PDB file of all heavy atoms in Angstrom:
ATOM      1  N   GLY A   1     -63.690  97.226-208.831  1.00  0.00           N
ATOM      2  CA  GLY A   1     -62.926  98.266-209.520  1.00  0.00           C
ATOM      3  C   GLY A   1     -63.309  99.686-209.171  1.00  0.00           C
ATOM      4  O   GLY A   1     -62.461 100.513-208.860  1.00  0.00           O
ATOM      5  N   ALA A   2     -64.603  99.993-209.215  1.00  0.00           N
ATOM      6  CA  ALA A   2     -65.050 101.359-208.922  1.00  0.00           C
ATOM      7  C   ALA A   2     -64.827 101.736-207.464  1.00  0.00           C
ATOM      8  O   ALA A   2     -64.746 102.911-207.126  1.00  0.00           O
ATOM      9  CB  ALA A   2     -66.529 101.507-209.283  1.00  0.00           C
ATOM     10  N   SER A   3     -64.703 100.756-206.589  1.00  0.00           N
ATOM     11  CA  SER A   3     -64.533 101.012-205.159  1.00  0.00           C
ATOM     12  C   SER A   3     -63.096 101.305-204.761  1.00  0.00           C
ATOM     13  O   SER A   3     -62.839 101.799-203.673  1.00  0.00           O
ATOM     14  CB  SER A   3     -65.011  99.800-204.354  1.00  0.00           C
ATOM     15  OG  SER A   3     -66.376  99.592-204.551  1.00  0.00           O
ATOM     16  N   GLU A   4     -62.151 101.001-205.631  1.00  0.00           N
ATOM     17  CA  GLU A   4     -60.736 101.196-205.284  1.00  0.00           C
ATOM     18  C   GLU A   4     -60.432 102.648-204.957  1.00  0.00           C
ATOM     19  O   GLU A   4     -59.676 102.931-204.033  1.00  0.00           O
ATOM     20  CB  GLU A   4     -59.844 100.694-206.413  1.00  0.00           C
ATOM     21  CG  GLU A   4     -59.783  99.190-206.489  1.00  0.00           C
ATOM     22  CD  GLU A   4     -58.827  98.702-207.555  1.00  0.00           C
ATOM     23  OE1 GLU A   4     -57.865  99.426-207.890  1.00  0.00           O
ATOM     24  OE2 GLU A   4     -59.058  97.596-208.055  1.00  0.00           O
ATOM     25  N   LYS A   5     -61.028 103.569-205.695  1.00  0.00           N
ATOM     26  CA  LYS A   5     -60.802 104.997-205.432  1.00  0.00           C
ATOM     27  C   LYS A   5     -61.280 105.356-204.019  1.00  0.00           C
ATOM     28  O   LYS A   5     -60.605 106.069-203.290  1.00  0.00           O
ATOM     29  CB  LYS A   5     -61.518 105.847-206.476  1.00  0.00           C
ATOM     30  CG  LYS A   5     -61.276 107.324-206.321  1.00  0.00           C
ATOM     31  CD  LYS A   5     -61.956 108.111-207.421  1.00  0.00           C
ATOM     32  CE  LYS A   5     -61.715 109.585-207.233  1.00  0.00           C
ATOM     33  NZ  LYS A   5     -62.405 110.392-208.244  1.00  0.00           N
ATOM     34  N   GLN A   6     -62.454 104.855-203.648  1.00  0.00           N
ATOM     35  CA  GLN A   6     -62.986 105.112-202.305  1.00  0.00           C
ATOM     36  C   GLN A   6     -62.069 104.515-201.245  1.00  0.00           C
ATOM     37  O   GLN A   6     -61.750 105.150-200.251  1.00  0.00           O
ATOM     38  CB  GLN A   6     -64.382 104.506-202.160  1.00  0.00           C
ATOM     39  CG  GLN A   6     -65.416 105.085-203.079  1.00  0.00           C
ATOM     40  CD  GLN A   6     -65.763 106.517-202.744  1.00  0.00           C
ATOM     41  OE1 GLN A   6     -65.859 106.895-201.590  1.00  0.00           O
ATOM     42  NE2 GLN A   6     -65.941 107.325-203.760  1.00  0.00           N
ATOM     43  N   LEU A   7     -61.654 103.268-201.482  1.00  0.00           N
ATOM     44  CA  LEU A   7     -60.827 102.572-200.504  1.00  0.00           C
ATOM     45  C   LEU A   7     -59.455 103.217-200.362  1.00  0.00           C
ATOM     46  O   LEU A   7     -58.883 103.248-199.283  1.00  0.00           O
ATOM     47  CB  LEU A   7     -60.680 101.103-200.877  1.00  0.00           C
ATOM     48  CG  LEU A   7     -59.935 100.250-199.858  1.00  0.00           C
ATOM     49  CD1 LEU A   7     -60.666 100.253-198.517  1.00  0.00           C
ATOM     50  CD2 LEU A   7     -59.774  98.836-200.362  1.00  0.00           C
ATOM     51  N   ASN A   8     -58.914 103.758-201.448  1.00  0.00           N
ATOM     52  CA  ASN A   8     -57.592 104.384-201.393  1.00  0.00           C
ATOM     53  C   ASN A   8     -57.560 105.614-200.492  1.00  0.00           C
ATOM     54  O   ASN A   8     -56.496 106.004-200.008  1.00  0.00           O
ATOM     55  CB  ASN A   8     -57.113 104.749-202.798  1.00  0.00           C
ATOM     56  CG  ASN A   8     -56.741 103.532-203.616  1.00  0.00           C
ATOM     57  OD1 ASN A   8     -56.434 102.474-203.080  1.00  0.00           O
ATOM     58  ND2 ASN A   8     -56.793 103.674-204.928  1.00  0.00           N
ATOM     59  N   LEU A   9     -58.689 106.220-200.239  1.00  0.00           N
ATOM     60  CA  LEU A   9     -58.752 107.396-199.373  1.00  0.00           C
ATOM     61  C   LEU A   9     -58.740 107.035-197.889  1.00  0.00           C
ATOM     62  O   LEU A   9     -58.300 107.815-197.055  1.00  0.00           O
ATOM     63  CB  LEU A   9     -60.009 108.212-199.694  1.00  0.00           C
ATOM     64  CG  LEU A   9     -60.087 108.781-201.107  1.00  0.00           C
ATOM     65  CD1 LEU A   9     -61.470 109.349-201.370  1.00  0.00           C
ATOM     66  CD2 LEU A   9     -59.014 109.837-201.319  1.00  0.00           C
ATOM     67  N   VAL A  10     -59.229 105.847-197.567  1.00  0.00           N
ATOM     68  CA  VAL A  10     -59.413 105.447-196.165  1.00  0.00           C
ATOM     69  C   VAL A  10     -58.106 105.390-195.366  1.00  0.00           C
ATOM     70  O   VAL A  10     -58.034 105.958-194.269  1.00  0.00           O
ATOM     71  CB  VAL A  10     -60.195 104.119-196.072  1.00  0.00           C
ATOM     72  CG1 VAL A  10     -60.244 103.601-194.646  1.00  0.00           C
ATOM     73  CG2 VAL A  10     -61.603 104.308-196.627  1.00  0.00           C
ATOM     74  N   PRO A  11     -57.048 104.735-195.869  1.00  0.00           N
ATOM     75  CA  PRO A  11     -55.814 104.652-195.056  1.00  0.00           C
ATOM     76  C   PRO A  11     -55.222 106.023-194.713  1.00  0.00           C
ATOM     77  O   PRO A  11     -54.760 106.225-193.593  1.00  0.00           O
ATOM     78  CB  PRO A  11     -54.853 103.861-195.945  1.00  0.00           C
ATOM     79  CG  PRO A  11     -55.720 103.100-196.870  1.00  0.00           C
ATOM     80  CD  PRO A  11     -56.929 103.957-197.092  1.00  0.00           C
ATOM     81  N   GLY A  12     -55.276 106.954-195.638  1.00  0.00           N
ATOM     82  CA  GLY A  12     -54.764 108.296-195.358  1.00  0.00           C
ATOM     83  C   GLY A  12     -55.571 109.009-194.295  1.00  0.00           C
ATOM     84  O   GLY A  12     -55.023 109.700-193.432  1.00  0.00           O
ATOM     85  N   LEU A  13     -56.880 108.835-194.355  1.00  0.00           N
ATOM     86  CA  LEU A  13     -57.744 109.479-193.365  1.00  0.00           C
ATOM     87  C   LEU A  13     -57.556 108.884-191.978  1.00  0.00           C
ATOM     88  O   LEU A  13     -57.590 109.597-190.979  1.00  0.00           O
ATOM     89  CB  LEU A  13     -59.214 109.359-193.790  1.00  0.00           C
ATOM     90  CG  LEU A  13     -59.603 110.173-195.021  1.00  0.00           C
ATOM     91  CD1 LEU A  13     -60.955 109.725-195.549  1.00  0.00           C
ATOM     92  CD2 LEU A  13     -59.621 111.655-194.698  1.00  0.00           C
ATOM     93  N   LEU A  14     -57.366 107.564-191.914  1.00  0.00           N
ATOM     94  CA  LEU A  14     -57.200 106.899-190.622  1.00  0.00           C
ATOM     95  C   LEU A  14     -55.739 106.762-190.207  1.00  0.00           C
ATOM     96  O   LEU A  14     -55.442 106.268-189.115  1.00  0.00           O
ATOM     97  CB  LEU A  14     -57.841 105.502-190.667  1.00  0.00           C
ATOM     98  CG  LEU A  14     -59.346 105.463-190.885  1.00  0.00           C
ATOM     99  CD1 LEU A  14     -59.839 104.025-190.951  1.00  0.00           C
ATOM    100  CD2 LEU A  14     -60.077 106.230-189.793  1.00  0.00           C
ATOM    101  N   GLU A  15     -54.844 107.179-191.091  1.00  0.00           N
ATOM    102  CA  GLU A  15     -53.402 107.124-190.848  1.00  0.00           C
ATOM    103  C   GLU A  15     -52.943 105.706-190.533  1.00  0.00           C
ATOM    104  O   GLU A  15     -52.267 105.447-189.538  1.00  0.00           O
ATOM    105  CB  GLU A  15     -53.005 108.108-189.750  1.00  0.00           C
ATOM    106  CG  GLU A  15     -53.327 109.553-190.120  1.00  0.00           C
ATOM    107  CD  GLU A  15     -52.998 110.552-189.038  1.00  0.00           C
ATOM    108  OE1 GLU A  15     -52.277 110.209-188.080  1.00  0.00           O
ATOM    109  OE2 GLU A  15     -53.469 111.703-189.157  1.00  0.00           O
ATOM    110  N   VAL A  16     -53.357 104.766-191.406  1.00  0.00           N
ATOM    111  CA  VAL A  16     -52.959 103.365-191.292  1.00  0.00           C
ATOM    112  C   VAL A  16     -52.407 102.889-192.629  1.00  0.00           C
ATOM    113  O   VAL A  16     -52.581 103.541-193.660  1.00  0.00           O
ATOM    114  CB  VAL A  16     -54.137 102.461-190.851  1.00  0.00           C
ATOM    115  CG1 VAL A  16     -54.624 102.834-189.463  1.00  0.00           C
ATOM    116  CG2 VAL A  16     -55.280 102.517-191.843  1.00  0.00           C
ATOM    117  N   ASP A  17     -51.779 101.726-192.627  1.00  0.00           N
ATOM    118  CA  ASP A  17     -51.199 101.149-193.829  1.00  0.00           C
ATOM    119  C   ASP A  17     -52.305 100.681-194.782  1.00  0.00           C
ATOM    120  O   ASP A  17     -53.247 100.005-194.357  1.00  0.00           O
ATOM    121  CB  ASP A  17     -50.300  99.968-193.431  1.00  0.00           C
ATOM    122  CG  ASP A  17     -49.675  99.296-194.634  1.00  0.00           C
ATOM    123  OD1 ASP A  17     -48.892  99.964-195.333  1.00  0.00           O
ATOM    124  OD2 ASP A  17     -49.996  98.114-194.872  1.00  0.00           O
ATOM    125  N   SER A  18     -52.182 101.009-196.059  1.00  0.00           N
ATOM    126  CA  SER A  18     -53.220 100.661-197.029  1.00  0.00           C
ATOM    127  C   SER A  18     -53.350  99.153-197.216  1.00  0.00           C
ATOM    128  O   SER A  18     -54.459  98.637-197.376  1.00  0.00           O
ATOM    129  CB  SER A  18     -52.973 101.337-198.367  1.00  0.00           C
ATOM    130  OG  SER A  18     -51.723 100.943-198.901  1.00  0.00           O
ATOM    131  N   ASN A  19     -52.236  98.424-197.190  1.00  0.00           N
ATOM    132  CA  ASN A  19     -52.307  96.967-197.310  1.00  0.00           C
ATOM    133  C   ASN A  19     -53.037  96.346-196.126  1.00  0.00           C
ATOM    134  O   ASN A  19     -53.759  95.360-196.282  1.00  0.00           O
ATOM    135  CB  ASN A  19     -50.906  96.358-197.439  1.00  0.00           C
ATOM    136  CG  ASN A  19     -50.261  96.721-198.752  1.00  0.00           C
ATOM    137  OD1 ASN A  19     -50.930  96.908-199.759  1.00  0.00           O
ATOM    138  ND2 ASN A  19     -48.950  96.835-198.747  1.00  0.00           N
ATOM    139  N   ALA A  20     -52.858  96.918-194.954  1.00  0.00           N
ATOM    140  CA  ALA A  20     -53.535  96.408-193.758  1.00  0.00           C
ATOM    141  C   ALA A  20     -55.045  96.579-193.874  1.00  0.00           C
ATOM    142  O   ALA A  20     -55.811  95.710-193.434  1.00  0.00           O
ATOM    143  CB  ALA A  20     -53.011  97.114-192.510  1.00  0.00           C
ATOM    144  N   VAL A  21     -55.487  97.672-194.477  1.00  0.00           N
ATOM    145  CA  VAL A  21     -56.926  97.901-194.646  1.00  0.00           C
ATOM    146  C   VAL A  21     -57.504  96.867-195.606  1.00  0.00           C
ATOM    147  O   VAL A  21     -58.544  96.256-195.328  1.00  0.00           O
ATOM    148  CB  VAL A  21     -57.211  99.336-195.147  1.00  0.00           C
ATOM    149  CG1 VAL A  21     -58.684  99.510-195.486  1.00  0.00           C
ATOM    150  CG2 VAL A  21     -56.789 100.365-194.115  1.00  0.00           C
ATOM    151  N   VAL A  22     -56.834  96.645-196.734  1.00  0.00           N
ATOM    152  CA  VAL A  22     -57.316  95.657-197.705  1.00  0.00           C
ATOM    153  C   VAL A  22     -57.343  94.272-197.079  1.00  0.00           C
ATOM    154  O   VAL A  22     -58.320  93.527-197.218  1.00  0.00           O
ATOM    155  CB  VAL A  22     -56.447  95.672-198.983  1.00  0.00           C
ATOM    156  CG1 VAL A  22     -56.823  94.520-199.907  1.00  0.00           C
ATOM    157  CG2 VAL A  22     -56.591  97.000-199.705  1.00  0.00           C
ATOM    158  N   THR A  23     -56.285  93.919-196.364  1.00  0.00           N
ATOM    159  CA  THR A  23     -56.227  92.609-195.703  1.00  0.00           C
ATOM    160  C   THR A  23     -57.335  92.474-194.673  1.00  0.00           C
ATOM    161  O   THR A  23     -58.000  91.430-194.587  1.00  0.00           O
ATOM    162  CB  THR A  23     -54.856  92.396-195.043  1.00  0.00           C
ATOM    163  OG1 THR A  23     -53.849  92.466-196.055  1.00  0.00           O
ATOM    164  CG2 THR A  23     -54.773  91.059-194.349  1.00  0.00           C
ATOM    165  N   ALA A  24     -57.570  93.511-193.887  1.00  0.00           N
ATOM    166  CA  ALA A  24     -58.617  93.461-192.866  1.00  0.00           C
ATOM    167  C   ALA A  24     -60.002  93.290-193.484  1.00  0.00           C
ATOM    168  O   ALA A  24     -60.867  92.649-192.895  1.00  0.00           O
ATOM    169  CB  ALA A  24     -58.584  94.729-192.021  1.00  0.00           C
ATOM    170  N   LEU A  25     -60.191  93.818-194.677  1.00  0.00           N
ATOM    171  CA  LEU A  25     -61.496  93.719-195.327  1.00  0.00           C
ATOM    172  C   LEU A  25     -61.698  92.408-196.080  1.00  0.00           C
ATOM    173  O   LEU A  25     -62.826  91.999-196.307  1.00  0.00           O
ATOM    174  CB  LEU A  25     -61.684  94.894-196.295  1.00  0.00           C
ATOM    175  CG  LEU A  25     -61.840  96.263-195.655  1.00  0.00           C
ATOM    176  CD1 LEU A  25     -61.825  97.351-196.715  1.00  0.00           C
ATOM    177  CD2 LEU A  25     -63.102  96.339-194.822  1.00  0.00           C
ATOM    178  N   THR A  26     -60.614  91.748-196.488  1.00  0.00           N
ATOM    179  CA  THR A  26     -60.752  90.572-197.353  1.00  0.00           C
ATOM    180  C   THR A  26     -60.319  89.257-196.705  1.00  0.00           C
ATOM    181  O   THR A  26     -60.574  88.198-197.261  1.00  0.00           O
ATOM    182  CB  THR A  26     -59.954  90.760-198.654  1.00  0.00           C
ATOM    183  OG1 THR A  26     -58.569  90.961-198.337  1.00  0.00           O
ATOM    184  CG2 THR A  26     -60.488  91.938-199.456  1.00  0.00           C
ATOM    185  N   GLU A  27     -59.646  89.324-195.553  1.00  0.00           N
ATOM    186  CA  GLU A  27     -59.149  88.102-194.923  1.00  0.00           C
ATOM    187  C   GLU A  27     -59.411  88.129-193.424  1.00  0.00           C
ATOM    188  O   GLU A  27     -59.694  89.174-192.850  1.00  0.00           O
ATOM    189  CB  GLU A  27     -57.633  87.965-195.146  1.00  0.00           C
ATOM    190  CG  GLU A  27     -57.225  87.881-196.588  1.00  0.00           C
ATOM    191  CD  GLU A  27     -55.717  87.843-196.776  1.00  0.00           C
ATOM    192  OE1 GLU A  27     -54.979  87.725-195.782  1.00  0.00           O
ATOM    193  OE2 GLU A  27     -55.279  87.936-197.928  1.00  0.00           O
ATOM    194  N   ARG A  28     -59.280  86.956-192.815  1.00  0.00           N
ATOM    195  CA  ARG A  28     -59.367  86.869-191.362  1.00  0.00           C
ATOM    196  C   ARG A  28     -58.248  85.964-190.864  1.00  0.00           C
ATOM    197  O   ARG A  28     -57.732  85.128-191.607  1.00  0.00           O
ATOM    198  CB  ARG A  28     -60.724  86.351-190.927  1.00  0.00           C
ATOM    199  CG  ARG A  28     -60.999  84.920-191.323  1.00  0.00           C
ATOM    200  CD  ARG A  28     -62.371  84.478-190.822  1.00  0.00           C
ATOM    201  NE  ARG A  28     -62.623  83.108-191.180  1.00  0.00           N
ATOM    202  CZ  ARG A  28     -63.463  82.709-192.109  1.00  0.00           C
ATOM    203  NH1 ARG A  28     -64.148  83.607-192.780  1.00  0.00           N
ATOM    204  NH2 ARG A  28     -63.626  81.434-192.379  1.00  0.00           N
TER     205      ARG A  28
END
């Protein structure tokens, strides 16, 4: 829960899709 705020910033900084970042971190 506390990490969601941190993670929400990453896609904007890297200019990638936010769902893709979550998927890349949680699935293979």
